[in-house]
C-alpha atoms as a PDB file:
ATOM      1  CA  MET A   1      74.147  79.177  29.830  1.00  0.00           C
ATOM      2  CA  LEU A   2      76.278  78.239  26.826  1.00  0.00           C
ATOM      3  CA  MET A   3      79.866  77.151  27.341  1.00  0.00           C
ATOM      4  CA  LYS A   4      82.490  79.472  25.852  1.00  0.00           C
ATOM      5  CA  LEU A   5      84.610  78.319  22.913  1.00  0.00           C
ATOM      6  CA  PHE A   6      87.570  79.974  21.227  1.00  0.00           C
ATOM      7  CA  LEU A   7      87.801  78.775  17.610  1.00  0.00           C
ATOM      8  CA  VAL A   8      90.972  79.469  15.628  1.00  0.00           C
ATOM      9  CA  GLU A   9      90.596  78.302  12.022  1.00  0.00           C
ATOM     10  CA  ASP A  10      91.634  79.866   8.685  1.00  0.00           C
ATOM     11  CA  ALA A  11      89.994  77.410   6.269  1.00  0.00           C
ATOM     12  CA  THR A  12      86.605  78.857   5.300  1.00  0.00           C
ATOM     13  CA  ILE A  13      84.901  75.508   4.784  1.00  0.00           C
ATOM     14  CA  TYR A  14      85.902  74.259   8.243  1.00  0.00           C
ATOM     15  CA  MET A  15      85.141  77.627   9.820  1.00  0.00           C
ATOM     16  CA  ILE A  16      81.539  77.486   8.597  1.00  0.00           C
ATOM     17  CA  LEU A  17      81.145  73.785   9.380  1.00  0.00           C
ATOM     18  CA  LEU A  18      82.479  74.047  12.910  1.00  0.00           C
ATOM     19  CA  GLN A  19      80.439  77.127  13.765  1.00  0.00           C
ATOM     20  CA  LYS A  20      77.250  75.424  12.619  1.00  0.00           C
ATOM     21  CA  LEU A  21      78.154  72.225  14.449  1.00  0.00           C
ATOM     22  CA  LEU A  22      78.976  73.887  17.764  1.00  0.00           C
ATOM     23  CA  GLU A  23      76.712  76.947  17.945  1.00  0.00           C
ATOM     24  CA  ASN A  24      73.933  75.180  19.886  1.00  0.00           C
ATOM     25  CA  ASP A  25      76.253  74.258  22.757  1.00  0.00           C
ATOM     26  CA  PHE A  26      78.824  77.047  22.724  1.00  0.00           C
ATOM     27  CA  GLN A  27      79.175  80.789  22.632  1.00  0.00           C
ATOM     28  CA  ILE A  28      81.857  81.010  19.949  1.00  0.00           C
ATOM     29  CA  THR A  29      84.636  83.550  19.603  1.00  0.00           C
ATOM     30  CA  LEU A  30      86.233  83.179  16.168  1.00  0.00           C
ATOM     31  CA  SER A  31      89.696  84.094  14.999  1.00  0.00           C
ATOM     32  CA  LYS A  32      90.755  83.562  11.371  1.00  0.00           C
ATOM     33  CA  ASN A  33      94.483  84.081  11.929  1.00  0.00           C
ATOM     34  CA  ILE A  34      97.121  83.685  14.624  1.00  0.00           C
ATOM     35  CA  ALA A  35      97.843  87.416  14.994  1.00  0.00           C
ATOM     36  CA  ASP A  36      94.242  88.193  15.959  1.00  0.00           C
ATOM     37  CA  ALA A  37      94.121  85.107  18.171  1.00  0.00           C
ATOM     38  CA  LYS A  38      97.121  86.350  20.168  1.00  0.00           C
ATOM     39  CA  LYS A  39      95.403  89.700  20.748  1.00  0.00           C
ATOM     40  CA  ILE A  40      92.266  87.961  21.988  1.00  0.00           C
ATOM     41  CA  ILE A  41      94.302  85.790  24.354  1.00  0.00           C
ATOM     42  CA  GLU A  42      95.762  88.875  26.019  1.00  0.00           C
ATOM     43  CA  ASP A  43      92.369  90.614  26.344  1.00  0.00           C
ATOM     44  CA  GLU A  44      91.075  89.961  29.862  1.00  0.00           C
ATOM     45  CA  ASP A  45      87.484  90.455  28.715  1.00  0.00           C
ATOM     46  CA  TYR A  46      87.625  87.037  27.066  1.00  0.00           C
ATOM     47  CA  GLN A  47      87.074  83.909  29.159  1.00  0.00           C
ATOM     48  CA  PHE A  48      86.904  80.440  27.614  1.00  0.00           C
ATOM     49  CA  ASP A  49      85.978  76.916  28.680  1.00  0.00           C
ATOM     50  CA  VAL A  50      87.666  75.219  25.725  1.00  0.00           C
ATOM     51  CA  MET A  51      89.722  76.143  22.651  1.00  0.00           C
ATOM     52  CA  LEU A  52      89.580  74.521  19.214  1.00  0.00           C
ATOM     53  CA  ILE A  53      92.655  75.418  17.190  1.00  0.00           C
ATOM     54  CA  ASP A  54      93.888  74.396  13.730  1.00  0.00           C
ATOM     55  CA  LEU A  55      97.342  72.994  14.388  1.00  0.00           C
ATOM     56  CA  ILE A  56      98.721  73.506  10.877  1.00  0.00           C
ATOM     57  CA  MET A  57      98.244  77.278  10.725  1.00  0.00           C
ATOM     58  CA  PRO A  58     101.624  79.090  10.696  1.00  0.00           C
ATOM     59  CA  GLY A  59     102.455  80.245  14.207  1.00  0.00           C
ATOM     60  CA  THR A  60     100.084  77.880  16.010  1.00  0.00           C
ATOM     61  CA  MET A  61     102.771  76.533  18.325  1.00  0.00           C
ATOM     62  CA  ASP A  62     103.672  80.088  19.364  1.00  0.00           C
ATOM     63  CA  LEU A  63      99.992  80.715  20.103  1.00  0.00           C
ATOM     64  CA  ILE A  64      99.741  77.575  22.255  1.00  0.00           C
ATOM     65  CA  ARG A  65     102.910  78.578  24.096  1.00  0.00           C
ATOM     66  CA  GLN A  66     101.416  82.019  24.753  1.00  0.00           C
ATOM     67  CA  ILE A  67      98.187  80.471  26.065  1.00  0.00           C
ATOM     68  CA  LYS A  68     100.069  78.208  28.452  1.00  0.00           C
ATOM     69  CA  LYS A  69     102.013  81.179  29.826  1.00  0.00           C
ATOM     70  CA  ASN A  70      98.796  83.120  30.438  1.00  0.00           C
ATOM     71  CA  LYS A  71      97.770  82.523  34.051  1.00  0.00           C
ATOM     72  CA  ARG A  72      94.108  83.250  33.283  1.00  0.00           C
ATOM     73  CA  LEU A  73      93.910  80.688  30.453  1.00  0.00           C
ATOM     74  CA  SER A  74      96.701  78.202  31.082  1.00  0.00           C
ATOM     75  CA  GLN A  75      94.353  75.475  32.349  1.00  0.00           C
ATOM     76  CA  VAL A  76      91.738  75.870  29.596  1.00  0.00           C
ATOM     77  CA  PRO A  77      91.823  72.676  27.468  1.00  0.00           C
ATOM     78  CA  ILE A  78      93.063  73.052  23.906  1.00  0.00           C
ATOM     79  CA  VAL A  79      91.655  70.655  21.321  1.00  0.00           C
ATOM     80  CA  ALA A  80      93.784  70.714  18.182  1.00  0.00           C
ATOM     81  CA  LEU A  81      92.616  70.074  14.626  1.00  0.00           C
ATOM     82  CA  THR A  82      95.177  68.757  12.200  1.00  0.00           C
ATOM     83  CA  ALA A  83      95.460  67.421   8.666  1.00  0.00           C
ATOM     84  CA  SER A  84      99.049  66.390   9.279  1.00  0.00           C
ATOM     85  CA  ASP A  85      99.943  62.708   9.464  1.00  0.00           C
ATOM     86  CA  ASN A  86     103.410  63.512  10.791  1.00  0.00           C
ATOM     87  CA  PRO A  87     103.748  62.053  14.313  1.00  0.00           C
ATOM     88  CA  LYS A  88     106.310  64.726  15.199  1.00  0.00           C
ATOM     89  CA  ASP A  89     103.646  67.447  14.834  1.00  0.00           C
ATOM     90  CA  LEU A  90     101.385  65.681  17.312  1.00  0.00           C
ATOM     91  CA  ILE A  91     104.193  64.930  19.739  1.00  0.00           C
ATOM     92  CA  GLN A  92     105.234  68.572  19.705  1.00  0.00           C
ATOM     93  CA  ALA A  93     101.645  69.719  20.255  1.00  0.00           C
ATOM     94  CA  PHE A  94     101.153  67.420  23.226  1.00  0.00           C
ATOM     95  CA  ASP A  95     104.527  68.514  24.608  1.00  0.00           C
ATOM     96  CA  TYR A  96     103.206  72.070  24.474  1.00  0.00           C
ATOM     97  CA  GLY A  97     100.180  71.031  26.514  1.00  0.00           C
ATOM     98  CA  ILE A  98      97.217  70.393  24.228  1.00  0.00           C
ATOM     99  CA  TYR A  99      94.358  68.392  25.756  1.00  0.00           C
ATOM    100  CA  ASP A 100      93.213  66.429  22.699  1.00  0.00           C
ATOM    101  CA  CYS A 101      93.770  66.198  18.947  1.00  0.00           C
ATOM    102  CA  ILE A 102      91.279  65.506  16.140  1.00  0.00           C
ATOM    103  CA  GLN A 103      92.377  64.440  12.685  1.00  0.00           C
ATOM    104  CA  LYS A 104      90.983  66.040   9.539  1.00  0.00           C
ATOM    105  CA  PRO A 105      88.812  65.270   7.656  1.00  0.00           C
ATOM    106  CA  ILE A 106      86.524  65.430  10.674  1.00  0.00           C
ATOM    107  CA  TYR A 107      83.541  63.393  11.775  1.00  0.00           C
ATOM    108  CA  GLU A 108      81.000  65.852  13.122  1.00  0.00           C
ATOM    109  CA  GLU A 109      79.763  63.741  16.044  1.00  0.00           C
ATOM    110  CA  VAL A 110      83.326  62.984  17.117  1.00  0.00           C
ATOM    111  CA  VAL A 111      84.264  66.670  17.138  1.00  0.00           C
ATOM    112  CA  LEU A 112      81.145  67.702  19.031  1.00  0.00           C
ATOM    113  CA  GLN A 113      81.518  65.036  21.705  1.00  0.00           C
ATOM    114  CA  ARG A 114      85.234  65.519  22.290  1.00  0.00           C
ATOM    115  CA  VAL A 115      85.001  69.312  22.476  1.00  0.00           C
ATOM    116  CA  LYS A 116      82.035  69.064  24.852  1.00  0.00           C
ATOM    117  CA  ASN A 117      83.898  66.538  26.995  1.00  0.00           C
ATOM    118  CA  ALA A 118      86.940  68.796  27.218  1.00  0.00           C
ATOM    119  CA  ALA A 119      84.832  71.802  28.242  1.00  0.00           C
ATOM    120  CA  SER A 120      82.732  69.808  30.714  1.00  0.00           C
ATOM    121  CA  ASN A 121      85.811  68.359  32.420  1.00  0.00           C
ATOM    122  CA  TYR A 122      87.335  71.809  32.718  1.00  0.00           C
ATOM    123  CA  LEU A 123      84.160  73.261  34.243  1.00  0.00           C
ATOM    124  CA  ARG A 124      83.957  70.373  36.686  1.00  0.00           C
ATOM    125  CA  LEU A 125      87.545  70.976  37.806  1.00  0.00           C
ATOM    126  CA  LYS A 126      86.763  74.665  38.284  1.00  0.00           C
ATOM    127  CA  GLU A 127      83.758  73.809  40.437  1.00  0.00           C
ATOM    128  CA  LEU A 128      85.782  71.349  42.500  1.00  0.00           C
ATOM    129  CA  LYS A 129      88.468  73.974  43.030  1.00  0.00           C
ATOM    130  CA  LYS A 130      85.860  76.511  44.170  1.00  0.00           C
ATOM    131  CA  LEU A 131      84.310  73.977  46.517  1.00  0.00           C
ATOM    132  CA  ARG A 132      87.681  73.041  47.970  1.00  0.00           C
ATOM    133  CA  GLU A 133      88.539  76.714  48.514  1.00  0.00           C
ATOM    134  CA  SER A 134      85.139  77.294  50.074  1.00  0.00           C
ATOM    135  CA  LEU A 135      85.613  74.389  52.454  1.00  0.00           C
ATOM    136  CA  MET A 136      88.999  75.670  53.503  1.00  0.00           C
ATOM    137  CA  ASN A 137      87.923  79.305  53.725  1.00  0.00           C
ATOM    138  CA  ASN A 138      84.903  78.387  55.820  1.00  0.00           C
ATOM    139  CA  GLN A 139      87.166  76.766  58.376  1.00  0.00           C
ATOM    140  CA  GLN A 140      85.690  73.275  58.027  1.00  0.00           C
ATOM    141  CA  ILE A 141      87.870  72.127  60.891  1.00  0.00           C
ATOM    142  CA  ASP A 142      86.530  70.753  64.161  1.00  0.00           C
ATOM    143  CA  ASP A 143      87.283  73.399  66.788  1.00  0.00           C
ATOM    144  CA  LEU A 144      88.036  70.882  69.507  1.00  0.00           C
ATOM    145  CA  THR A 145      90.227  68.353  67.705  1.00  0.00           C
ATOM    146  CA  LYS A 146      91.619  70.539  64.890  1.00  0.00           C
ATOM    147  CA  ILE A 147      90.825  67.816  62.354  1.00  0.00           C
ATOM    148  CA  TYR A 148      88.261  67.824  59.552  1.00  0.00           C
ATOM    149  CA  LYS A 149      84.560  67.936  60.299  1.00  0.00           C
ATOM    150  CA  PHE A 150      82.401  65.163  58.850  1.00  0.00           C
ATOM    151  CA  ASP A 151      81.195  66.888  55.651  1.00  0.00           C
ATOM    152  CA  THR A 152      84.691  68.041  54.737  1.00  0.00           C
ATOM    153  CA  ALA A 153      86.305  64.687  55.503  1.00  0.00           C
ATOM    154  CA  LYS A 154      83.697  62.834  53.458  1.00  0.00           C
ATOM    155  CA  TRP A 155      84.114  65.170  50.488  1.00  0.00           C
ATOM    156  CA  LEU A 156      87.919  64.976  50.560  1.00  0.00           C
ATOM    157  CA  ILE A 157      87.891  61.179  50.853  1.00  0.00           C
ATOM    158  CA  ASP A 158      85.515  60.865  47.912  1.00  0.00           C
ATOM    159  CA  GLU A 159      87.874  63.081  45.916  1.00  0.00           C
ATOM    160  CA  LYS A 160      90.810  60.814  46.779  1.00  0.00           C
ATOM    161  CA  LEU A 161      88.769  57.758  45.830  1.00  0.00           C
ATOM    162  CA  ASP A 162      87.848  59.340  42.510  1.00  0.00           C
ATOM    163  CA  GLU A 163      91.526  59.993  41.781  1.00  0.00           C
ATOM    164  CA  ASN A 164      92.552  56.471  42.818  1.00  0.00           C
ATOM    165  CA  LYS A 165      89.756  54.268  41.457  1.00  0.00           C
ATOM    166  CA  THR A 166      91.610  50.953  41.297  1.00  0.00           C
ATOM    167  CA  GLY A 167      94.563  51.556  43.580  1.00  0.00           C
ATOM    168  CA  GLN A 168      94.808  50.346  47.161  1.00  0.00           C
ATOM    169  CA  LYS A 169      93.130  52.401  49.879  1.00  0.00           C
ATOM    170  CA  ILE A 170      92.128  51.833  53.507  1.00  0.00           C
ATOM    171  CA  LEU A 171      89.562  53.523  55.715  1.00  0.00           C
ATOM    172  CA  PHE A 172      89.802  53.032  59.478  1.00  0.00           C
ATOM    173  CA  VAL A 173      86.849  53.813  61.734  1.00  0.00           C
ATOM    174  CA  PHE A 174      87.443  54.494  65.446  1.00  0.00           C
ATOM    175  CA  LYS A 175      84.585  54.478  67.949  1.00  0.00           C
ATOM    176  CA  LEU A 176      85.051  55.544  71.562  1.00  0.00           C
ATOM    177  CA  LYS A 177      82.394  53.580  73.433  1.00  0.00           C
ATOM    178  CA  GLY A 178      81.232  55.055  76.728  1.00  0.00           C
ATOM    179  CA  LEU A 179      81.990  58.654  75.800  1.00  0.00           C
ATOM    180  CA  GLU A 180      78.355  59.680  76.073  1.00  0.00           C
ATOM    181  CA  GLU A 181      78.278  58.485  79.683  1.00  0.00           C
ATOM    182  CA  VAL A 182      81.458  60.446  80.445  1.00  0.00           C
ATOM    183  CA  TYR A 183      79.789  63.626  79.198  1.00  0.00           C
ATOM    184  CA  LYS A 184      76.746  62.895  81.365  1.00  0.00           C
ATOM    185  CA  GLN A 185      78.580  61.853  84.525  1.00  0.00           C
ATOM    186  CA  GLU A 186      81.846  63.801  84.440  1.00  0.00           C
ATOM    187  CA  GLY A 187      80.837  66.883  82.437  1.00  0.00           C
ATOM    188  CA  SER A 188      81.618  68.396  79.068  1.00  0.00           C
ATOM    189  CA  HIS A 189      85.125  69.507  80.005  1.00  0.00           C
ATOM    190  CA  ARG A 190      86.205  65.936  80.768  1.00  0.00           C
ATOM    191  CA  GLY A 191      84.422  64.593  77.678  1.00  0.00           C
ATOM    192  CA  ASP A 192      86.135  67.170  75.462  1.00  0.00           C
ATOM    193  CA  GLU A 193      89.503  66.247  76.949  1.00  0.00           C
ATOM    194  CA  LEU A 194      89.011  62.618  75.972  1.00  0.00           C
ATOM    195  CA  VAL A 195      87.911  63.521  72.440  1.00  0.00           C
ATOM    196  CA  LYS A 196      91.037  65.652  72.011  1.00  0.00           C
ATOM    197  CA  GLU A 197      93.217  62.859  73.394  1.00  0.00           C
ATOM    198  CA  MET A 198      91.642  60.404  70.972  1.00  0.00           C
ATOM    199  CA  SER A 199      92.327  62.670  68.015  1.00  0.00           C
ATOM    200  CA  ASP A 200      95.962  63.082  69.074  1.00  0.00           C
ATOM    201  CA  PHE A 201      96.264  59.327  69.681  1.00  0.00           C
ATOM    202  CA  ILE A 202      95.205  58.538  66.106  1.00  0.00           C
ATOM    203  CA  SER A 203      97.346  61.271  64.556  1.00  0.00           C
ATOM    204  CA  MET A 204     100.482  60.173  66.384  1.00  0.00           C
ATOM    205  CA  ASN A 205     100.109  56.538  65.366  1.00  0.00           C
ATOM    206  CA  PHE A 206      99.560  57.043  61.648  1.00  0.00           C
ATOM    207  CA  LYS A 207     102.569  58.470  59.869  1.00  0.00           C
ATOM    208  CA  ASN A 208     100.963  58.778  56.422  1.00  0.00           C
ATOM    209  CA  ILE A 209      97.385  59.869  57.041  1.00  0.00           C
ATOM    210  CA  ASP A 210      95.779  61.433  54.003  1.00  0.00           C
ATOM    211  CA  ILE A 211      92.606  62.518  55.781  1.00  0.00           C
ATOM    212  CA  LEU A 212      91.563  62.413  59.430  1.00  0.00           C
ATOM    213  CA  GLY A 213      88.032  63.440  60.323  1.00  0.00           C
ATOM    214  CA  ARG A 214      85.552  63.472  63.190  1.00  0.00           C
ATOM    215  CA  VAL A 215      82.301  61.998  61.918  1.00  0.00           C
ATOM    216  CA  ASP A 216      80.375  61.952  65.192  1.00  0.00           C
ATOM    217  CA  GLN A 217      80.798  62.885  68.837  1.00  0.00           C
ATOM    218  CA  ASP A 218      82.536  59.595  69.572  1.00  0.00           C
ATOM    219  CA  GLU A 219      83.631  58.482  66.112  1.00  0.00           C
ATOM    220  CA  PHE A 220      86.608  59.223  63.861  1.00  0.00           C
ATOM    221  CA  VAL A 221      87.709  58.132  60.400  1.00  0.00           C
ATOM    222  CA  CYS A 222      91.241  57.848  59.087  1.00  0.00           C
ATOM    223  CA  PHE A 223      91.768  57.462  55.328  1.00  0.00           C
ATOM    224  CA  VAL A 224      95.075  55.992  54.164  1.00  0.00           C
ATOM    225  CA  ASN A 225      95.817  56.204  50.439  1.00  0.00           C
ATOM    226  CA  HIS A 226      99.006  54.161  50.236  1.00  0.00           C
ATOM    227  CA  MET A 227     100.225  50.556  50.259  1.00  0.00           C
ATOM    228  CA  MET A 228      99.282  48.646  53.405  1.00  0.00           C
ATOM    229  CA  SER A 229      98.771  44.900  53.313  1.00  0.00           C
ATOM    230  CA  LYS A 230      95.751  43.244  54.897  1.00  0.00           C
ATOM    231  CA  GLU A 231      98.052  41.709  57.482  1.00  0.00           C
ATOM    232  CA  LEU A 232      99.651  45.047  58.328  1.00  0.00           C
ATOM    233  CA  ALA A 233      96.237  46.709  58.649  1.00  0.00           C
ATOM    234  CA  TYR A 234      95.199  44.016  61.146  1.00  0.00           C
ATOM    235  CA  VAL A 235      98.456  44.358  63.083  1.00  0.00           C
ATOM    236  CA  ARG A 236      98.027  48.131  63.181  1.00  0.00           C
ATOM    237  CA  LYS A 237      94.503  47.749  64.563  1.00  0.00           C
ATOM    238  CA  GLU A 238      95.615  45.289  67.266  1.00  0.00           C
ATOM    239  CA  GLU A 239      98.580  47.466  68.227  1.00  0.00           C
ATOM    240  CA  LEU A 240      96.349  50.514  68.639  1.00  0.00           C
ATOM    241  CA  LEU A 241      93.898  48.554  70.796  1.00  0.00           C
ATOM    242  CA  ARG A 242      96.782  47.348  72.972  1.00  0.00           C
ATOM    243  CA  MET A 243      98.164  50.860  73.369  1.00  0.00           C
ATOM    244  CA  PHE A 244      94.718  52.204  74.206  1.00  0.00           C
ATOM    245  CA  SER A 245      94.205  49.488  76.801  1.00  0.00           C
ATOM    246  CA  GLN A 246      97.482  50.381  78.489  1.00  0.00           C
ATOM    247  CA  LYS A 247      96.572  54.056  78.481  1.00  0.00           C
ATOM    248  CA  LYS A 248      93.164  53.270  79.956  1.00  0.00           C
ATOM    249  CA  LEU A 249      94.834  51.973  83.085  1.00  0.00           C
ATOM    250  CA  SER A 250      96.081  55.477  83.819  1.00  0.00           C
ATOM    251  CA  ASP A 251      93.764  58.277  82.763  1.00  0.00           C
ATOM    252  CA  ILE A 252      90.839  56.968  80.716  1.00  0.00           C
ATOM    253  CA  SER A 253      87.614  55.938  82.375  1.00  0.00           C
ATOM    254  CA  GLU A 254      87.297  52.223  83.082  1.00  0.00           C
ATOM    255  CA  ASN A 255      83.881  52.306  81.423  1.00  0.00           C
ATOM    256  CA  MET A 256      85.301  53.346  78.074  1.00  0.00           C
ATOM    257  CA  ASP A 257      86.439  51.085  75.250  1.00  0.00           C
ATOM    258  CA  LEU A 258      87.911  51.670  71.830  1.00  0.00           C
ATOM    259  CA  GLN A 259      86.533  49.856  68.791  1.00  0.00           C
ATOM    260  CA  ILE A 260      88.374  49.829  65.468  1.00  0.00           C
ATOM    261  CA  GLY A 261      87.146  48.626  62.108  1.00  0.00           C
ATOM    262  CA  TYR A 262      88.665  49.020  58.677  1.00  0.00           C
ATOM    263  CA  CYS A 263      87.937  48.506  55.010  1.00  0.00           C
ATOM    264  CA  ARG A 264      90.790  47.750  52.618  1.00  0.00           C
ATOM    265  CA  THR A 265      90.038  47.577  48.889  1.00  0.00           C
ATOM    266  CA  CYS A 266      91.324  48.125  45.371  1.00  0.00           C
ATOM    267  CA  GLU A 267      87.825  48.343  43.920  1.00  0.00           C
ATOM    268  CA  THR A 268      86.077  51.470  42.691  1.00  0.00           C
ATOM    269  CA  VAL A 269      84.115  52.611  45.746  1.00  0.00           C
ATOM    270  CA  ASN A 270      82.829  55.728  47.470  1.00  0.00           C
ATOM    271  CA  TYR A 271      83.138  56.886  51.059  1.00  0.00           C
ATOM    272  CA  GLU A 272      79.767  55.499  52.124  1.00  0.00           C
ATOM    273  CA  LYS A 273      80.584  51.992  50.957  1.00  0.00           C
ATOM    274  CA  MET A 274      83.974  51.944  52.675  1.00  0.00           C
ATOM    275  CA  TYR A 275      82.568  53.478  55.854  1.00  0.00           C
ATOM    276  CA  HIS A 276      79.765  50.925  56.225  1.00  0.00           C
ATOM    277  CA  ALA A 277      82.156  48.045  55.488  1.00  0.00           C
ATOM    278  CA  ALA A 278      84.559  49.317  58.170  1.00  0.00           C
ATOM    279  CA  LYS A 279      81.710  49.805  60.667  1.00  0.00           C
ATOM    280  CA  LYS A 280      80.763  46.142  60.306  1.00  0.00           C
ATOM    281  CA  MET A 281      84.255  45.206  61.477  1.00  0.00           C
ATOM    282  CA  LEU A 282      84.175  47.291  64.669  1.00  0.00           C
ATOM    283  CA  THR A 283      85.521  45.193  67.542  1.00  0.00           C
ATOM    284  CA  LYS A 284      86.927  45.792  71.004  1.00  0.00           C
END
């Protein structure tokens, strides 16, 4: 299915050129003046994935302002075309919220690629929003612990990693060794109690958790997307092991142990890479 483009251009030569250039990738709605463009913007029958608008047409800034106030279209990227070499025109346009600007005279390949990129990024964001809403609407929360299930946690962590490619991030992995035996010997009720206690234990001891998820019956992940030095991460791990050991003396089975591993990095990574690196560090 073709992506949907709104083209606002009054110069005949550019109108013809742009239509021919973009018609193979876009379903084009054309407006030759600002008055007609404003009517189209208010018509709910029109949906767009990108807009290509001549910035120098009289009234263009009013049109952009109207688009940005329209809830249905406010997030649609606007790529501006301009023959102006006045920096103030561009600054004003970006202040109004345009996505990109292309200088006239145009290079056809540049226009095609930048308009396609703008539309593709917008469609991707729409899909991510739908997926996020679907995950939340489908109650992707573990019934027992009230934290994220594995698929949801993994997806949300990958989203955070995509947003923060080179910034610092840490993934902790917690493994409750001996839990399987508790389920076998003491029953599901006792096993579930320990899982819930473990979830609460992690939550209470991390003030700035971005994402906490249960990835297996006896395994949890905690993603932290803020500054934490390597030394502090190690201290946090040791402190949690000490606290767990003290708790074990009272109400946790003597046959159970907590293992904690973590991966701290500023590199561009995905969840799988961080998870496997943290798993390698699991220790008592």
